[in-house]
Protein backbone atom coordinates (compact mmCIF):
# COMPACT_ATOMS: atom_id res chain seq x y z
CA MET A 1 -105.24 44.16 -47.17
CA ARG A 2 -101.50 43.14 -47.32
CA GLU A 3 -101.61 39.45 -47.54
CA GLY A 4 -100.70 36.97 -44.46
CA LEU A 5 -97.40 35.28 -44.47
CA LEU A 6 -97.43 31.55 -44.65
CA ILE A 7 -94.64 30.27 -42.57
CA VAL A 8 -93.80 26.57 -42.26
CA LEU A 9 -91.65 24.00 -39.78
CA GLU A 10 -90.55 21.29 -41.20
CA GLY A 11 -88.16 18.41 -39.56
CA VAL A 12 -88.34 14.41 -38.68
CA ASP A 13 -90.79 13.14 -36.00
CA GLY A 14 -88.96 14.37 -32.38
CA ALA A 15 -87.67 17.33 -33.60
CA GLY A 16 -89.71 19.64 -32.51
CA THR A 17 -92.22 21.07 -35.26
CA THR A 18 -95.60 20.74 -32.99
CA THR A 19 -94.10 22.18 -29.53
CA HIS A 20 -92.03 25.32 -31.58
CA THR A 21 -95.21 26.45 -33.69
CA THR A 22 -97.06 26.70 -31.07
CA ARG A 23 -94.40 28.61 -29.25
CA LEU A 24 -94.21 31.00 -32.36
CA SER A 25 -98.12 31.53 -32.59
CA ASP A 26 -98.68 31.96 -28.60
CA THR A 27 -95.56 34.43 -28.66
CA LEU A 28 -96.31 36.78 -32.09
CA ARG A 29 -100.28 36.81 -31.25
CA SER A 30 -100.71 39.86 -29.21
CA ARG A 31 -98.48 41.72 -32.32
CA ILE A 32 -99.55 40.21 -35.44
CA ALA A 33 -102.87 38.45 -36.66
CA VAL A 34 -101.79 34.71 -36.71
CA ARG A 35 -103.29 30.90 -36.94
CA ALA A 36 -101.38 27.94 -36.21
CA THR A 37 -102.52 25.04 -38.04
CA ARG A 38 -101.10 21.25 -39.12
CA GLU A 39 -101.10 18.44 -41.36
CA PRO A 40 -102.44 15.71 -41.35
CA THR A 41 -105.47 17.98 -40.80
CA ALA A 42 -108.59 17.48 -39.34
CA GLY A 43 -110.49 17.13 -42.31
CA PRO A 44 -111.97 14.60 -43.89
CA VAL A 45 -108.82 13.14 -46.13
CA GLY A 46 -106.33 14.31 -42.77
CA ALA A 47 -108.90 12.20 -40.36
CA LEU A 48 -107.89 8.90 -42.60
CA LEU A 49 -104.40 10.00 -42.67
CA ARG A 50 -103.93 9.85 -38.78
CA HIS A 51 -105.99 6.56 -38.89
CA ALA A 52 -103.13 5.48 -41.45
CA LEU A 53 -100.19 6.75 -39.56
CA THR A 54 -101.45 5.33 -36.51
CA GLY A 55 -102.22 1.44 -37.83
CA ARG A 56 -106.11 2.20 -37.23
CA LEU A 57 -106.95 1.87 -41.09
CA VAL A 58 -109.29 -1.05 -42.47
CA THR A 59 -109.84 -1.39 -45.37
CA PRO A 60 -113.51 -3.74 -46.78
CA GLY A 61 -112.53 -7.14 -47.10
CA GLU A 62 -109.42 -6.92 -44.62
CA LEU A 63 -109.54 -7.85 -41.21
CA THR A 64 -106.70 -6.09 -40.03
CA ALA A 65 -105.27 -2.83 -40.54
CA ARG A 66 -102.54 -2.05 -42.66
CA ALA A 67 -100.96 0.85 -44.34
CA PRO A 68 -101.23 2.28 -48.19
CA GLY A 69 -98.19 1.86 -50.39
CA TRP A 70 -96.04 4.88 -50.46
CA THR A 71 -98.22 6.16 -53.90
CA THR A 72 -101.61 5.85 -52.40
CA MET A 73 -99.86 8.05 -49.06
CA ALA A 74 -98.55 10.86 -51.59
CA LEU A 75 -102.18 11.25 -53.37
CA MET A 76 -104.00 11.22 -49.73
CA PHE A 77 -101.22 13.84 -48.22
CA ALA A 78 -101.36 15.94 -51.76
CA ALA A 79 -105.41 15.48 -51.57
CA ASP A 80 -105.36 16.46 -47.48
CA ARG A 81 -103.09 19.36 -48.59
CA MET A 82 -105.06 21.21 -51.34
CA ASP A 83 -108.24 20.97 -49.63
CA HIS A 84 -106.11 22.81 -46.42
CA LEU A 85 -105.39 25.49 -49.07
CA GLU A 86 -108.97 26.11 -50.11
CA VAL A 87 -110.57 25.97 -46.52
CA GLU A 88 -108.14 27.39 -43.90
CA ILE A 89 -104.82 28.18 -45.54
CA LEU A 90 -105.50 30.61 -48.27
CA PRO A 91 -108.43 32.69 -46.89
CA MET A 92 -106.62 33.19 -43.24
CA LEU A 93 -103.90 34.64 -45.77
CA ARG A 94 -106.38 36.81 -48.03
CA GLU A 95 -107.35 38.51 -44.61
CA GLY A 96 -103.80 39.72 -43.69
CA VAL A 97 -103.91 36.64 -40.99
CA SER A 98 -100.14 34.76 -41.10
CA VAL A 99 -100.18 31.02 -40.71
CA PHE A 100 -97.52 29.35 -39.26
CA CYS A 101 -98.65 25.29 -40.32
CA ASP A 102 -96.71 22.20 -38.55
CA ARG A 103 -95.37 20.12 -41.69
CA TYR A 104 -95.79 20.99 -45.35
CA TYR A 105 -95.36 19.66 -48.50
CA HIS A 106 -91.57 19.39 -47.50
CA SER A 107 -92.54 16.29 -45.21
CA SER A 108 -94.38 15.13 -48.49
CA VAL A 109 -91.45 15.15 -50.25
CA ALA A 110 -88.99 13.89 -47.87
CA TYR A 111 -91.14 10.86 -46.40
CA GLN A 112 -92.93 9.24 -49.23
CA SER A 113 -89.85 9.56 -51.79
CA LEU A 114 -87.52 7.77 -48.94
CA THR A 115 -90.24 5.05 -48.35
CA ALA A 116 -90.04 4.82 -52.49
CA GLY A 117 -86.48 3.98 -51.73
CA GLY A 118 -85.35 7.56 -52.03
CA GLY A 119 -85.53 7.87 -56.30
CA HIS A 120 -85.09 11.27 -58.80
CA ASP A 121 -87.92 9.95 -60.07
CA ALA A 122 -90.52 9.55 -56.68
CA ILE A 123 -88.60 13.45 -55.74
CA ALA A 124 -90.09 14.46 -59.21
CA TRP A 125 -93.51 13.25 -58.79
CA ILE A 126 -94.67 13.93 -55.16
CA ARG A 127 -92.97 17.48 -56.05
CA GLU A 128 -95.92 17.49 -59.25
CA LEU A 129 -97.95 16.20 -57.03
CA ASN A 130 -97.40 20.02 -54.88
CA ARG A 131 -97.38 22.10 -57.74
CA HIS A 132 -100.90 23.90 -56.83
CA ALA A 133 -99.96 24.51 -53.49
CA ARG A 134 -98.82 27.81 -52.56
CA PRO A 135 -95.30 28.03 -51.53
CA ALA A 136 -93.74 29.10 -47.86
CA ASP A 137 -92.53 32.67 -47.02
CA LEU A 138 -89.80 31.29 -44.87
CA THR A 139 -89.52 27.48 -43.67
CA LEU A 140 -87.63 26.85 -40.81
CA VAL A 141 -86.16 22.95 -40.55
CA LEU A 142 -85.49 22.27 -37.05
CA ASP A 143 -82.39 19.85 -37.29
CA VAL A 144 -81.74 17.30 -34.26
CA PRO A 145 -79.24 13.95 -34.52
CA ALA A 146 -81.00 10.99 -35.03
CA LYS A 147 -80.87 9.52 -31.64
CA VAL A 148 -81.99 12.86 -29.69
CA ALA A 149 -84.84 12.30 -31.82
CA ALA A 150 -85.41 8.69 -31.39
CA GLU A 151 -84.87 9.13 -27.40
CA ARG A 152 -87.69 12.42 -27.90
CA ARG A 153 -90.28 9.81 -29.75
CA ARG A 154 -88.95 7.15 -27.29
CA ARG A 155 -90.54 9.43 -24.14
CA ARG A 156 -93.39 10.36 -26.03
CA GLY A 157 -94.95 6.83 -26.88
CA GLY A 158 -97.54 6.18 -29.07
CA ARG A 159 -95.42 4.27 -32.04
CA GLU A 160 -96.49 5.44 -36.05
CA LEU A 161 -96.20 4.14 -39.16
CA PHE A 162 -92.58 5.96 -40.01
CA ASP A 163 -91.26 6.07 -36.72
CA ASP A 164 -88.40 2.66 -38.09
CA GLU A 165 -85.30 4.56 -37.08
CA GLN A 166 -83.53 3.82 -40.33
CA LEU A 167 -85.92 5.81 -41.95
CA GLN A 168 -86.42 8.06 -39.45
CA ALA A 169 -82.13 8.06 -40.08
CA GLN A 170 -82.49 8.69 -43.50
CA LEU A 171 -84.78 11.80 -43.36
CA CYS A 172 -82.13 13.30 -40.63
CA ASP A 173 -79.74 13.54 -43.29
CA PHE A 174 -82.72 14.74 -45.99
CA TYR A 175 -83.65 17.30 -43.81
CA ALA A 176 -79.78 18.51 -43.19
CA GLN A 177 -80.38 19.24 -46.92
CA LEU A 178 -83.54 19.92 -47.81
CA GLU A 179 -82.98 23.04 -49.94
CA ARG A 180 -81.26 21.16 -52.59
CA HIS A 181 -84.72 20.17 -53.82
CA PHE A 182 -86.52 22.83 -53.54
CA PRO A 183 -84.21 25.78 -55.10
CA GLY A 184 -85.57 29.20 -54.90
CA GLU A 185 -87.44 28.42 -51.41
CA ARG A 186 -87.05 30.91 -48.53
CA ILE A 187 -85.11 27.24 -46.19
CA VAL A 188 -83.90 28.42 -43.01
CA HIS A 189 -82.20 25.72 -40.41
CA VAL A 190 -82.19 26.05 -36.92
CA ASN A 191 -80.31 23.86 -34.73
CA ALA A 192 -82.71 22.31 -32.35
CA ASP A 193 -80.90 19.66 -30.05
CA GLY A 194 -80.94 22.17 -26.90
CA PRO A 195 -83.07 23.61 -24.33
CA VAL A 196 -87.24 24.40 -25.27
CA ASP A 197 -86.71 28.41 -24.59
CA ALA A 198 -83.13 28.59 -26.41
CA VAL A 199 -85.06 27.22 -29.34
CA ALA A 200 -88.07 29.25 -29.89
CA ALA A 201 -85.87 31.72 -29.47
CA GLN A 202 -83.98 31.21 -32.09
CA VAL A 203 -87.50 30.47 -34.32
CA LEU A 204 -88.58 33.33 -33.18
CA GLY A 205 -85.59 35.63 -34.69
CA GLN A 206 -85.91 34.15 -38.14
CA VAL A 207 -89.75 34.98 -38.43
CA GLU A 208 -88.94 38.52 -36.92
CA ARG A 209 -86.30 38.99 -39.53
CA LEU A 210 -88.83 38.24 -42.49
CA LEU A 211 -91.29 40.38 -40.75
CA ALA A 212 -89.39 43.45 -40.20
CA GLU A 213 -88.34 42.93 -44.05
CA ARG A 214 -91.43 42.97 -44.98
CA GLY A 215 -92.29 46.37 -43.28
């Protein structure tokens, strides 16, 4: 049996990665075996991460919630990812199921390196943490201007750990040149500043191109 494809959707908060992961899997479900998933996961480490991201993580001896430092967050994301691969992604791929993942290790490199100050050493360390993660067959970066993403987050409500506007603007710049940090990977940018249906058509077109190349 031929292995399935691992396709990742990336972008800043408000770019639409969750929406278009769902749209993509729903559209292709009648043609190929698919599985939509996300990071952080619903697994044990992912649950802790979601508590941290939403300000609900309280450690023993403390009365109020606090966010862990960037190194701890990077380690937690990497642990969640390896568990995700072992429990869900790799078994699905081996069964011939194509997996569409809302965020992957690219997000760890982007978010944790910028919260660390954006230095080369941080990027190198985070990439090393994720060295054993299976590379994506295709990564689609949903590009939106920082102001558009900020307005989408405002409408969505529910502030999270990385919702600082200055950080999100830096993330927009980082994602705009994501391929610089992942040489050799197939990374395609999609203009996500437009109607949902138009963006979904672009996303689908890129995936169909990969499927056609595969035969």
